[in-house]
Amino acid sequence: MKEIEFIINAEKLERLKRILDSHGKTGVTIDFVMGYGHQRGLKQVYTREENPGINLLPKVSVRSVVADETVDPLIDDVVEQLGSASFGDGKIFVRDVANAIRIRTNERGDSAL
């Protein structure tokens, strides 16, 4: 099992949810976060100020745990459908998950997803 975290712009959230649904994922955790990447939150705006500072940009963090065989097709669809080849498209992080337990039924592993 893998946990996939998508850090995206809020306006892409509904499209990401549709992609996850198309891959059979019904469980997600969504957090509204602030952050910056390589550009330090700066947009491509020219200014006379030498040090405009760091601007935190609003983003959405979407996490879901999926079976191993789902990871690559899911990521391919997200990159294809949400990517615009411009700064700020976001990031995807993939982490190993040792186990999952459904508290209500004590199911474990993939069946708990």
PDB file of N, CA and C in Angstrom:
ATOM      1  N   MET A   1       0.836  -1.175   0.000  1.00  0.00           N
ATOM      2  CA  MET A   1       0.000   0.000   0.000  1.00  0.00           C
ATOM      3  C   MET A   1       0.882   1.240   0.000  1.00  0.00           C
ATOM      4  N   LYS A   2       0.350   2.285  -0.602  1.00  0.00           N
ATOM      5  CA  LYS A   2       1.052   3.560  -0.663  1.00  0.00           C
ATOM      6  C   LYS A   2       0.105   4.680  -0.270  1.00  0.00           C
ATOM      7  N   GLU A   3       0.658   5.683   0.414  1.00  0.00           N
ATOM      8  CA  GLU A   3      -0.078   6.914   0.640  1.00  0.00           C
ATOM      9  C   GLU A   3       0.392   7.897  -0.419  1.00  0.00           C
ATOM     10  N   ILE A   4      -0.547   8.476  -1.132  1.00  0.00           N
ATOM     11  CA  ILE A   4      -0.222   9.477  -2.140  1.00  0.00           C
ATOM     12  C   ILE A   4      -0.728  10.813  -1.626  1.00  0.00           C
ATOM     13  N   GLU A   5       0.147  11.812  -1.638  1.00  0.00           N
ATOM     14  CA  GLU A   5      -0.247  13.164  -1.254  1.00  0.00           C
ATOM     15  C   GLU A   5      -0.084  14.068  -2.470  1.00  0.00           C
ATOM     16  N   PHE A   6      -1.141  14.771  -2.789  1.00  0.00           N
ATOM     17  CA  PHE A   6      -1.142  15.723  -3.891  1.00  0.00           C
ATOM     18  C   PHE A   6      -1.199  17.125  -3.291  1.00  0.00           C
ATOM     19  N   ILE A   7      -0.263  17.980  -3.647  1.00  0.00           N
ATOM     20  CA  ILE A   7      -0.311  19.388  -3.248  1.00  0.00           C
ATOM     21  C   ILE A   7      -0.654  20.159  -4.525  1.00  0.00           C
ATOM     22  N   ILE A   8      -1.853  20.754  -4.548  1.00  0.00           N
ATOM     23  CA  ILE A   8      -2.354  21.376  -5.780  1.00  0.00           C
ATOM     24  C   ILE A   8      -3.009  22.720  -5.469  1.00  0.00           C
ATOM     25  N   ASN A   9      -3.319  23.447  -6.524  1.00  0.00           N
ATOM     26  CA  ASN A   9      -4.115  24.668  -6.397  1.00  0.00           C
ATOM     27  C   ASN A   9      -5.562  24.283  -6.124  1.00  0.00           C
ATOM     28  N   ALA A  10      -6.240  25.104  -5.326  1.00  0.00           N
ATOM     29  CA  ALA A  10      -7.613  24.793  -4.911  1.00  0.00           C
ATOM     30  C   ALA A  10      -8.559  24.642  -6.099  1.00  0.00           C
ATOM     31  N   GLU A  11      -8.339  25.381  -7.171  1.00  0.00           N
ATOM     32  CA  GLU A  11      -9.255  25.289  -8.305  1.00  0.00           C
ATOM     33  C   GLU A  11      -9.175  23.946  -9.040  1.00  0.00           C
ATOM     34  N   LYS A  12      -8.157  23.149  -8.744  1.00  0.00           N
ATOM     35  CA  LYS A  12      -8.021  21.827  -9.368  1.00  0.00           C
ATOM     36  C   LYS A  12      -8.597  20.707  -8.504  1.00  0.00           C
ATOM     37  N   LEU A  13      -9.127  21.041  -7.329  1.00  0.00           N
ATOM     38  CA  LEU A  13      -9.584  20.022  -6.387  1.00  0.00           C
ATOM     39  C   LEU A  13     -10.707  19.155  -6.956  1.00  0.00           C
ATOM     40  N   GLU A  14     -11.709  19.748  -7.546  1.00  0.00           N
ATOM     41  CA  GLU A  14     -12.832  18.957  -8.077  1.00  0.00           C
ATOM     42  C   GLU A  14     -12.379  18.015  -9.183  1.00  0.00           C
ATOM     43  N   ARG A  15     -11.483  18.479 -10.040  1.00  0.00           N
ATOM     44  CA  ARG A  15     -10.964  17.593 -11.100  1.00  0.00           C
ATOM     45  C   ARG A  15     -10.171  16.449 -10.495  1.00  0.00           C
ATOM     46  N   LEU A  16      -9.367  16.724  -9.450  1.00  0.00           N
ATOM     47  CA  LEU A  16      -8.621  15.652  -8.794  1.00  0.00           C
ATOM     48  C   LEU A  16      -9.565  14.642  -8.157  1.00  0.00           C
ATOM     49  N   LYS A  17     -10.627  15.124  -7.512  1.00  0.00           N
ATOM     50  CA  LYS A  17     -11.596  14.200  -6.912  1.00  0.00           C
ATOM     51  C   LYS A  17     -12.237  13.309  -7.976  1.00  0.00           C
ATOM     52  N   ARG A  18     -12.540  13.853  -9.146  1.00  0.00           N
ATOM     53  CA  ARG A  18     -13.102  13.031 -10.231  1.00  0.00           C
ATOM     54  C   ARG A  18     -12.114  11.969 -10.695  1.00  0.00           C
ATOM     55  N   ILE A  19     -10.832  12.334 -10.778  1.00  0.00           N
ATOM     56  CA  ILE A  19      -9.810  11.356 -11.179  1.00  0.00           C
ATOM     57  C   ILE A  19      -9.707  10.249 -10.133  1.00  0.00           C
ATOM     58  N   LEU A  20      -9.677  10.617  -8.861  1.00  0.00           N
ATOM     59  CA  LEU A  20      -9.618   9.612  -7.798  1.00  0.00           C
ATOM     60  C   LEU A  20     -10.838   8.697  -7.846  1.00  0.00           C
ATOM     61  N   ASP A  21     -12.030   9.274  -8.057  1.00  0.00           N
ATOM     62  CA  ASP A  21     -13.254   8.464  -8.154  1.00  0.00           C
ATOM     63  C   ASP A  21     -13.172   7.488  -9.324  1.00  0.00           C
ATOM     64  N   SER A  22     -12.598   7.930 -10.442  1.00  0.00           N
ATOM     65  CA  SER A  22     -12.499   7.058 -11.620  1.00  0.00           C
ATOM     66  C   SER A  22     -11.566   5.876 -11.376  1.00  0.00           C
ATOM     67  N   HIS A  23     -10.688   6.001 -10.383  1.00  0.00           N
ATOM     68  CA  HIS A  23      -9.791   4.898 -10.018  1.00  0.00           C
ATOM     69  C   HIS A  23     -10.314   4.112  -8.820  1.00  0.00           C
ATOM     70  N   GLY A  24     -11.565   4.363  -8.446  1.00  0.00           N
ATOM     71  CA  GLY A  24     -12.189   3.601  -7.376  1.00  0.00           C
ATOM     72  C   GLY A  24     -11.839   4.055  -5.980  1.00  0.00           C
ATOM     73  N   LYS A  25     -11.247   5.230  -5.829  1.00  0.00           N
ATOM     74  CA  LYS A  25     -10.881   5.723  -4.504  1.00  0.00           C
ATOM     75  C   LYS A  25     -12.030   6.523  -3.934  1.00  0.00           C
ATOM     76  N   THR A  26     -12.476   6.127  -2.751  1.00  0.00           N
ATOM     77  CA  THR A  26     -13.559   6.856  -2.108  1.00  0.00           C
ATOM     78  C   THR A  26     -13.090   7.579  -0.859  1.00  0.00           C
ATOM     79  N   GLY A  27     -11.936   7.256  -0.338  1.00  0.00           N
ATOM     80  CA  GLY A  27     -11.464   7.878   0.894  1.00  0.00           C
ATOM     81  C   GLY A  27     -10.321   8.842   0.636  1.00  0.00           C
ATOM     82  N   VAL A  28     -10.505  10.092   1.022  1.00  0.00           N
ATOM     83  CA  VAL A  28      -9.456  11.092   0.918  1.00  0.00           C
ATOM     84  C   VAL A  28      -9.471  11.963   2.175  1.00  0.00           C
ATOM     85  N   THR A  29      -8.339  12.562   2.459  1.00  0.00           N
ATOM     86  CA  THR A  29      -8.221  13.566   3.511  1.00  0.00           C
ATOM     87  C   THR A  29      -7.735  14.837   2.841  1.00  0.00           C
ATOM     88  N   ILE A  30      -8.437  15.936   3.094  1.00  0.00           N
ATOM     89  CA  ILE A  30      -8.114  17.196   2.432  1.00  0.00           C
ATOM     90  C   ILE A  30      -7.791  18.241   3.489  1.00  0.00           C
ATOM     91  N   ASP A  31      -6.662  18.910   3.303  1.00  0.00           N
ATOM     92  CA  ASP A  31      -6.251  20.002   4.179  1.00  0.00           C
ATOM     93  C   ASP A  31      -5.989  21.234   3.316  1.00  0.00           C
ATOM     94  N   PHE A  32      -6.355  22.385   3.835  1.00  0.00           N
ATOM     95  CA  PHE A  32      -6.030  23.639   3.175  1.00  0.00           C
ATOM     96  C   PHE A  32      -4.754  24.148   3.822  1.00  0.00           C
ATOM     97  N   VAL A  33      -3.721  24.352   3.010  1.00  0.00           N
ATOM     98  CA  VAL A  33      -2.388  24.669   3.510  1.00  0.00           C
ATOM     99  C   VAL A  33      -1.847  25.915   2.815  1.00  0.00           C
ATOM    100  N   MET A  34      -0.744  26.426   3.341  1.00  0.00           N
ATOM    101  CA  MET A  34      -0.040  27.552   2.730  1.00  0.00           C
ATOM    102  C   MET A  34       1.396  27.101   2.502  1.00  0.00           C
ATOM    103  N   GLY A  35       2.006  27.572   1.417  1.00  0.00           N
ATOM    104  CA  GLY A  35       3.384  27.192   1.175  1.00  0.00           C
ATOM    105  C   GLY A  35       3.950  27.847  -0.062  1.00  0.00           C
ATOM    106  N   TYR A  36       5.176  27.455  -0.379  1.00  0.00           N
ATOM    107  CA  TYR A  36       5.822  27.945  -1.585  1.00  0.00           C
ATOM    108  C   TYR A  36       6.812  26.906  -2.066  1.00  0.00           C
ATOM    109  N   GLY A  37       7.195  27.012  -3.332  1.00  0.00           N
ATOM    110  CA  GLY A  37       8.135  26.081  -3.941  1.00  0.00           C
ATOM    111  C   GLY A  37       9.394  26.799  -4.381  1.00  0.00           C
ATOM    112  N   HIS A  38       9.908  26.410  -5.532  1.00  0.00           N
ATOM    113  CA  HIS A  38      11.165  26.958  -6.033  1.00  0.00           C
ATOM    114  C   HIS A  38      11.129  28.466  -6.236  1.00  0.00           C
ATOM    115  N   GLN A  39       9.986  28.991  -6.581  1.00  0.00           N
ATOM    116  CA  GLN A  39       9.893  30.424  -6.849  1.00  0.00           C
ATOM    117  C   GLN A  39       9.624  31.243  -5.591  1.00  0.00           C
ATOM    118  N   ARG A  40       9.587  30.589  -4.447  1.00  0.00           N
ATOM    119  CA  ARG A  40       9.363  31.260  -3.176  1.00  0.00           C
ATOM    120  C   ARG A  40       8.041  32.013  -3.125  1.00  0.00           C
ATOM    121  N   GLY A  41       7.047  31.518  -3.840  1.00  0.00           N
ATOM    122  CA  GLY A  41       5.732  32.128  -3.811  1.00  0.00           C
ATOM    123  C   GLY A  41       5.592  33.353  -4.677  1.00  0.00           C
ATOM    124  N   LEU A  42       6.631  33.666  -5.443  1.00  0.00           N
ATOM    125  CA  LEU A  42       6.580  34.855  -6.292  1.00  0.00           C
ATOM    126  C   LEU A  42       5.939  34.503  -7.622  1.00  0.00           C
ATOM    127  N   LYS A  43       5.085  35.352  -8.084  1.00  0.00           N
ATOM    128  CA  LYS A  43       4.517  35.183  -9.414  1.00  0.00           C
ATOM    129  C   LYS A  43       5.454  35.894 -10.385  1.00  0.00           C
ATOM    130  N   GLN A  44       5.279  35.663 -11.658  1.00  0.00           N
ATOM    131  CA  GLN A  44       6.152  36.295 -12.638  1.00  0.00           C
ATOM    132  C   GLN A  44       5.704  37.737 -12.854  1.00  0.00           C
ATOM    133  N   VAL A  45       5.988  38.551 -11.847  1.00  0.00           N
ATOM    134  CA  VAL A  45       5.659  39.965 -11.881  1.00  0.00           C
ATOM    135  C   VAL A  45       6.959  40.725 -11.657  1.00  0.00           C
ATOM    136  N   TYR A  46       7.191  41.724 -12.471  1.00  0.00           N
ATOM    137  CA  TYR A  46       8.418  42.497 -12.346  1.00  0.00           C
ATOM    138  C   TYR A  46       8.195  43.657 -11.389  1.00  0.00           C
ATOM    139  N   THR A  47       9.153  43.885 -10.504  1.00  0.00           N
ATOM    140  CA  THR A  47       9.036  44.932  -9.507  1.00  0.00           C
ATOM    141  C   THR A  47      10.371  45.651  -9.375  1.00  0.00           C
ATOM    142  N   ARG A  48      10.352  46.862  -8.897  1.00  0.00           N
ATOM    143  CA  ARG A  48      11.586  47.610  -8.659  1.00  0.00           C
ATOM    144  C   ARG A  48      12.207  47.236  -7.331  1.00  0.00           C
ATOM    145  N   GLU A  49      11.420  46.646  -6.471  1.00  0.00           N
ATOM    146  CA  GLU A  49      11.909  46.253  -5.154  1.00  0.00           C
ATOM    147  C   GLU A  49      12.891  45.100  -5.305  1.00  0.00           C
ATOM    148  N   GLU A  50      14.059  45.204  -4.671  1.00  0.00           N
ATOM    149  CA  GLU A  50      15.081  44.167  -4.810  1.00  0.00           C
ATOM    150  C   GLU A  50      14.740  42.911  -4.036  1.00  0.00           C
ATOM    151  N   ASN A  51      14.127  43.051  -2.861  1.00  0.00           N
ATOM    152  CA  ASN A  51      13.822  41.901  -2.033  1.00  0.00           C
ATOM    153  C   ASN A  51      12.332  41.927  -1.678  1.00  0.00           C
ATOM    154  N   PRO A  52      11.493  41.388  -2.553  1.00  0.00           N
ATOM    155  CA  PRO A  52      10.064  41.446  -2.288  1.00  0.00           C
ATOM    156  C   PRO A  52       9.602  40.511  -1.171  1.00  0.00           C
ATOM    157  N   GLY A  53      10.482  39.628  -0.677  1.00  0.00           N
ATOM    158  CA  GLY A  53      10.103  38.724   0.405  1.00  0.00           C
ATOM    159  C   GLY A  53       9.510  37.427  -0.116  1.00  0.00           C
ATOM    160  N   ILE A  54       9.062  36.614   0.822  1.00  0.00           N
ATOM    161  CA  ILE A  54       8.490  35.313   0.484  1.00  0.00           C
ATOM    162  C   ILE A  54       6.986  35.386   0.693  1.00  0.00           C
ATOM    163  N   ASN A  55       6.249  35.019  -0.317  1.00  0.00           N
ATOM    164  CA  ASN A  55       4.794  35.003  -0.235  1.00  0.00           C
ATOM    165  C   ASN A  55       4.312  33.570  -0.113  1.00  0.00           C
ATOM    166  N   LEU A  56       3.531  33.297   0.895  1.00  0.00           N
ATOM    167  CA  LEU A  56       2.941  31.972   1.036  1.00  0.00           C
ATOM    168  C   LEU A  56       1.683  31.925   0.184  1.00  0.00           C
ATOM    169  N   LEU A  57       1.585  30.885  -0.624  1.00  0.00           N
ATOM    170  CA  LEU A  57       0.448  30.738  -1.521  1.00  0.00           C
ATOM    171  C   LEU A  57      -0.516  29.701  -0.968  1.00  0.00           C
ATOM    172  N   PRO A  58      -1.818  29.916  -1.127  1.00  0.00           N
ATOM    173  CA  PRO A  58      -2.785  28.913  -0.668  1.00  0.00           C
ATOM    174  C   PRO A  58      -2.761  27.688  -1.580  1.00  0.00           C
ATOM    175  N   LYS A  59      -2.716  26.525  -0.981  1.00  0.00           N
ATOM    176  CA  LYS A  59      -2.719  25.251  -1.702  1.00  0.00           C
ATOM    177  C   LYS A  59      -3.674  24.297  -0.989  1.00  0.00           C
ATOM    178  N   VAL A  60      -3.908  23.165  -1.622  1.00  0.00           N
ATOM    179  CA  VAL A  60      -4.719  22.103  -1.038  1.00  0.00           C
ATOM    180  C   VAL A  60      -3.871  20.844  -1.002  1.00  0.00           C
ATOM    181  N   SER A  61      -3.861  20.169   0.148  1.00  0.00           N
ATOM    182  CA  SER A  61      -3.174  18.893   0.298  1.00  0.00           C
ATOM    183  C   SER A  61      -4.239  17.800   0.335  1.00  0.00           C
ATOM    184  N   VAL A  62      -4.147  16.861  -0.603  1.00  0.00           N
ATOM    185  CA  VAL A  62      -5.108  15.762  -0.693  1.00  0.00           C
ATOM    186  C   VAL A  62      -4.329  14.462  -0.510  1.00  0.00           C
ATOM    187  N   ARG A  63      -4.727  13.666   0.495  1.00  0.00           N
ATOM    188  CA  ARG A  63      -4.045  12.400   0.769  1.00  0.00           C
ATOM    189  C   ARG A  63      -5.011  11.240   0.620  1.00  0.00           C
ATOM    190  N   SER A  64      -4.482  10.144   0.079  1.00  0.00           N
ATOM    191  CA  SER A  64      -5.269   8.928  -0.037  1.00  0.00           C
ATOM    192  C   SER A  64      -4.322   7.740   0.008  1.00  0.00           C
ATOM    193  N   VAL A  65      -4.788   6.631   0.557  1.00  0.00           N
ATOM    194  CA  VAL A  65      -3.998   5.399   0.582  1.00  0.00           C
ATOM    195  C   VAL A  65      -4.575   4.469  -0.466  1.00  0.00           C
ATOM    196  N   VAL A  66      -3.697   3.935  -1.318  1.00  0.00           N
ATOM    197  CA  VAL A  66      -4.136   3.096  -2.432  1.00  0.00           C
ATOM    198  C   VAL A  66      -3.316   1.812  -2.483  1.00  0.00           C
ATOM    199  N   ALA A  67      -3.846   0.820  -3.161  1.00  0.00           N
ATOM    200  CA  ALA A  67      -3.118  -0.424  -3.390  1.00  0.00           C
ATOM    201  C   ALA A  67      -1.942  -0.144  -4.331  1.00  0.00           C
ATOM    202  N   ASP A  68      -0.888  -0.924  -4.212  1.00  0.00           N
ATOM    203  CA  ASP A  68       0.328  -0.694  -4.987  1.00  0.00           C
ATOM    204  C   ASP A  68       0.076  -0.617  -6.492  1.00  0.00           C
ATOM    205  N   GLU A  69      -0.796  -1.481  -7.008  1.00  0.00           N
ATOM    206  CA  GLU A  69      -1.022  -1.520  -8.455  1.00  0.00           C
ATOM    207  C   GLU A  69      -1.790  -0.301  -8.970  1.00  0.00           C
ATOM    208  N   THR A  70      -2.371   0.476  -8.081  1.00  0.00           N
ATOM    209  CA  THR A  70      -3.138   1.657  -8.465  1.00  0.00           C
ATOM    210  C   THR A  70      -2.265   2.898  -8.612  1.00  0.00           C
ATOM    211  N   VAL A  71      -1.093   2.891  -7.992  1.00  0.00           N
ATOM    212  CA  VAL A  71      -0.271   4.100  -7.883  1.00  0.00           C
ATOM    213  C   VAL A  71       0.102   4.684  -9.239  1.00  0.00           C
ATOM    214  N   ASP A  72       0.764   3.918 -10.092  1.00  0.00           N
ATOM    215  CA  ASP A  72       1.264   4.469 -11.357  1.00  0.00           C
ATOM    216  C   ASP A  72       0.160   4.942 -12.295  1.00  0.00           C
ATOM    217  N   PRO A  73      -0.912   4.149 -12.522  1.00  0.00           N
ATOM    218  CA  PRO A  73      -1.971   4.661 -13.393  1.00  0.00           C
ATOM    219  C   PRO A  73      -2.632   5.924 -12.843  1.00  0.00           C
ATOM    220  N   LEU A  74      -2.794   5.986 -11.524  1.00  0.00           N
ATOM    221  CA  LEU A  74      -3.401   7.162 -10.906  1.00  0.00           C
ATOM    222  C   LEU A  74      -2.525   8.395 -11.103  1.00  0.00           C
ATOM    223  N   ILE A  75      -1.242   8.259 -10.841  1.00  0.00           N
ATOM    224  CA  ILE A  75      -0.321   9.386 -11.012  1.00  0.00           C
ATOM    225  C   ILE A  75      -0.272   9.829 -12.467  1.00  0.00           C
ATOM    226  N   ASP A  76      -0.236   8.876 -13.403  1.00  0.00           N
ATOM    227  CA  ASP A  76      -0.219   9.228 -14.830  1.00  0.00           C
ATOM    228  C   ASP A  76      -1.443  10.051 -15.205  1.00  0.00           C
ATOM    229  N   ASP A  77      -2.620   9.654 -14.723  1.00  0.00           N
ATOM    230  CA  ASP A  77      -3.848  10.404 -15.026  1.00  0.00           C
ATOM    231  C   ASP A  77      -3.818  11.804 -14.427  1.00  0.00           C
ATOM    232  N   VAL A  78      -3.335  11.925 -13.200  1.00  0.00           N
ATOM    233  CA  VAL A  78      -3.288  13.235 -12.547  1.00  0.00           C
ATOM    234  C   VAL A  78      -2.341  14.172 -13.299  1.00  0.00           C
ATOM    235  N   VAL A  79      -1.160  13.683 -13.634  1.00  0.00           N
ATOM    236  CA  VAL A  79      -0.185  14.521 -14.349  1.00  0.00           C
ATOM    237  C   VAL A  79      -0.739  14.936 -15.712  1.00  0.00           C
ATOM    238  N   GLU A  80      -1.379  13.996 -16.399  1.00  0.00           N
ATOM    239  CA  GLU A  80      -1.921  14.300 -17.724  1.00  0.00           C
ATOM    240  C   GLU A  80      -3.072  15.306 -17.659  1.00  0.00           C
ATOM    241  N   GLN A  81      -3.968  15.141 -16.685  1.00  0.00           N
ATOM    242  CA  GLN A  81      -5.175  15.967 -16.652  1.00  0.00           C
ATOM    243  C   GLN A  81      -5.033  17.269 -15.868  1.00  0.00           C
ATOM    244  N   LEU A  82      -4.113  17.326 -14.916  1.00  0.00           N
ATOM    245  CA  LEU A  82      -3.973  18.533 -14.106  1.00  0.00           C
ATOM    246  C   LEU A  82      -2.748  19.369 -14.455  1.00  0.00           C
ATOM    247  N   GLY A  83      -1.809  18.788 -15.185  1.00  0.00           N
ATOM    248  CA  GLY A  83      -0.592  19.509 -15.520  1.00  0.00           C
ATOM    249  C   GLY A  83      -0.835  20.552 -16.593  1.00  0.00           C
ATOM    250  N   SER A  84      -0.229  21.725 -16.400  1.00  0.00           N
ATOM    251  CA  SER A  84      -0.344  22.779 -17.406  1.00  0.00           C
ATOM    252  C   SER A  84       1.033  23.224 -17.885  1.00  0.00           C
ATOM    253  N   ALA A  85       2.081  22.564 -17.420  1.00  0.00           N
ATOM    254  CA  ALA A  85       3.463  22.883 -17.776  1.00  0.00           C
ATOM    255  C   ALA A  85       3.861  24.284 -17.333  1.00  0.00           C
ATOM    256  N   SER A  86       3.215  24.784 -16.285  1.00  0.00           N
ATOM    257  CA  SER A  86       3.604  26.092 -15.757  1.00  0.00           C
ATOM    258  C   SER A  86       3.894  25.967 -14.271  1.00  0.00           C
ATOM    259  N   PHE A  87       4.576  26.977 -13.733  1.00  0.00           N
ATOM    260  CA  PHE A  87       4.912  26.970 -12.312  1.00  0.00           C
ATOM    261  C   PHE A  87       3.647  26.902 -11.480  1.00  0.00           C
ATOM    262  N   GLY A  88       3.715  26.170 -10.368  1.00  0.00           N
ATOM    263  CA  GLY A  88       2.591  26.119  -9.454  1.00  0.00           C
ATOM    264  C   GLY A  88       1.612  24.990  -9.697  1.00  0.00           C
ATOM    265  N   ASP A  89       1.918  24.083 -10.631  1.00  0.00           N
ATOM    266  CA  ASP A  89       1.020  22.950 -10.869  1.00  0.00           C
ATOM    267  C   ASP A  89       0.916  22.048  -9.645  1.00  0.00           C
ATOM    268  N   GLY A  90       1.967  21.986  -8.845  1.00  0.00           N
ATOM    269  CA  GLY A  90       1.919  21.211  -7.616  1.00  0.00           C
ATOM    270  C   GLY A  90       2.938  20.097  -7.574  1.00  0.00           C
ATOM    271  N   LYS A  91       2.787  19.254  -6.584  1.00  0.00           N
ATOM    272  CA  LYS A  91       3.686  18.125  -6.364  1.00  0.00           C
ATOM    273  C   LYS A  91       2.880  16.912  -5.955  1.00  0.00           C
ATOM    274  N   ILE A  92       3.472  15.731  -6.170  1.00  0.00           N
ATOM    275  CA  ILE A  92       2.891  14.470  -5.718  1.00  0.00           C
ATOM    276  C   ILE A  92       3.964  13.753  -4.902  1.00  0.00           C
ATOM    277  N   PHE A  93       3.595  13.306  -3.707  1.00  0.00           N
ATOM    278  CA  PHE A  93       4.501  12.547  -2.853  1.00  0.00           C
ATOM    279  C   PHE A  93       3.906  11.161  -2.638  1.00  0.00           C
ATOM    280  N   VAL A  94       4.760  10.144  -2.685  1.00  0.00           N
ATOM    281  CA  VAL A  94       4.326   8.757  -2.496  1.00  0.00           C
ATOM    282  C   VAL A  94       5.113   8.173  -1.333  1.00  0.00           C
ATOM    283  N   ARG A  95       4.378   7.626  -0.356  1.00  0.00           N
ATOM    284  CA  ARG A  95       4.999   7.043   0.832  1.00  0.00           C
ATOM    285  C   ARG A  95       4.509   5.606   1.024  1.00  0.00           C
ATOM    286  N   ASP A  96       5.385   4.757   1.556  1.00  0.00           N
ATOM    287  CA  ASP A  96       4.995   3.389   1.891  1.00  0.00           C
ATOM    288  C   ASP A  96       4.099   3.397   3.128  1.00  0.00           C
ATOM    289  N   VAL A  97       3.106   2.512   3.121  1.00  0.00           N
ATOM    290  CA  VAL A  97       2.229   2.315   4.271  1.00  0.00           C
ATOM    291  C   VAL A  97       2.383   0.857   4.696  1.00  0.00           C
ATOM    292  N   ALA A  98       2.772   0.641   5.932  1.00  0.00           N
ATOM    293  CA  ALA A  98       3.023  -0.717   6.420  1.00  0.00           C
ATOM    294  C   ALA A  98       1.734  -1.513   6.572  1.00  0.00           C
ATOM    295  N   ASN A  99       0.670  -0.862   7.061  1.00  0.00           N
ATOM    296  CA  ASN A  99      -0.576  -1.582   7.276  1.00  0.00           C
ATOM    297  C   ASN A  99      -1.703  -0.572   7.421  1.00  0.00           C
ATOM    298  N   ALA A 100      -2.917  -1.032   7.225  1.00  0.00           N
ATOM    299  CA  ALA A 100      -4.113  -0.229   7.464  1.00  0.00           C
ATOM    300  C   ALA A 100      -5.112  -1.120   8.189  1.00  0.00           C
ATOM    301  N   ILE A 101      -5.780  -0.560   9.183  1.00  0.00           N
ATOM    302  CA  ILE A 101      -6.770  -1.311   9.950  1.00  0.00           C
ATOM    303  C   ILE A 101      -8.063  -0.515   9.994  1.00  0.00           C
ATOM    304  N   ARG A 102      -9.152  -1.141   9.567  1.00  0.00           N
ATOM    305  CA  ARG A 102     -10.465  -0.514   9.691  1.00  0.00           C
ATOM    306  C   ARG A 102     -10.950  -0.783  11.110  1.00  0.00           C
ATOM    307  N   ILE A 103     -11.129   0.261  11.877  1.00  0.00           N
ATOM    308  CA  ILE A 103     -11.474   0.119  13.298  1.00  0.00           C
ATOM    309  C   ILE A 103     -12.801  -0.603  13.477  1.00  0.00           C
ATOM    310  N   ARG A 104     -13.799  -0.281  12.677  1.00  0.00           N
ATOM    311  CA  ARG A 104     -15.136  -0.853  12.842  1.00  0.00           C
ATOM    312  C   ARG A 104     -15.144  -2.372  12.697  1.00  0.00           C
ATOM    313  N   THR A 105     -14.396  -2.914  11.717  1.00  0.00           N
ATOM    314  CA  THR A 105     -14.476  -4.350  11.419  1.00  0.00           C
ATOM    315  C   THR A 105     -13.184  -5.110  11.681  1.00  0.00           C
ATOM    316  N   ASN A 106     -12.102  -4.392  12.015  1.00  0.00           N
ATOM    317  CA  ASN A 106     -10.792  -4.986  12.222  1.00  0.00           C
ATOM    318  C   ASN A 106     -10.210  -5.584  10.941  1.00  0.00           C
ATOM    319  N   GLU A 107     -10.731  -5.187   9.773  1.00  0.00           N
ATOM    320  CA  GLU A 107     -10.113  -5.614   8.500  1.00  0.00           C
ATOM    321  C   GLU A 107      -8.731  -4.984   8.427  1.00  0.00           C
ATOM    322  N   ARG A 108      -7.817  -5.713   7.765  1.00  0.00           N
ATOM    323  CA  ARG A 108      -6.429  -5.250   7.684  1.00  0.00           C
ATOM    324  C   ARG A 108      -5.915  -5.308   6.256  1.00  0.00           C
ATOM    325  N   GLY A 109      -4.923  -4.488   5.988  1.00  0.00           N
ATOM    326  CA  GLY A 109      -4.311  -4.473   4.676  1.00  0.00           C
ATOM    327  C   GLY A 109      -5.192  -3.822   3.626  1.00  0.00           C
ATOM    328  N   ASP A 110      -5.085  -4.295   2.384  1.00  0.00           N
ATOM    329  CA  ASP A 110      -5.846  -3.708   1.273  1.00  0.00           C
ATOM    330  C   ASP A 110      -7.359  -3.760   1.508  1.00  0.00           C
ATOM    331  N   SER A 111      -7.835  -4.782   2.193  1.00  0.00           N
ATOM    332  CA  SER A 111      -9.288  -4.887   2.417  1.00  0.00           C
ATOM    333  C   SER A 111      -9.808  -3.794   3.352  1.00  0.00           C
ATOM    334  N   ALA A 112      -8.917  -3.162   4.118  1.00  0.00           N
ATOM    335  CA  ALA A 112      -9.322  -2.079   5.003  1.00  0.00           C
ATOM    336  C   ALA A 112      -9.469  -0.751   4.262  1.00  0.00           C
ATOM    337  N   LEU A 113      -8.974  -0.715   3.032  1.00  0.00           N
ATOM    338  CA  LEU A 113      -9.058   0.520   2.259  1.00  0.00           C
ATOM    339  C   LEU A 113     -10.470   0.681   1.731  1.00  0.00           C
TER     340      LEU A 113
END
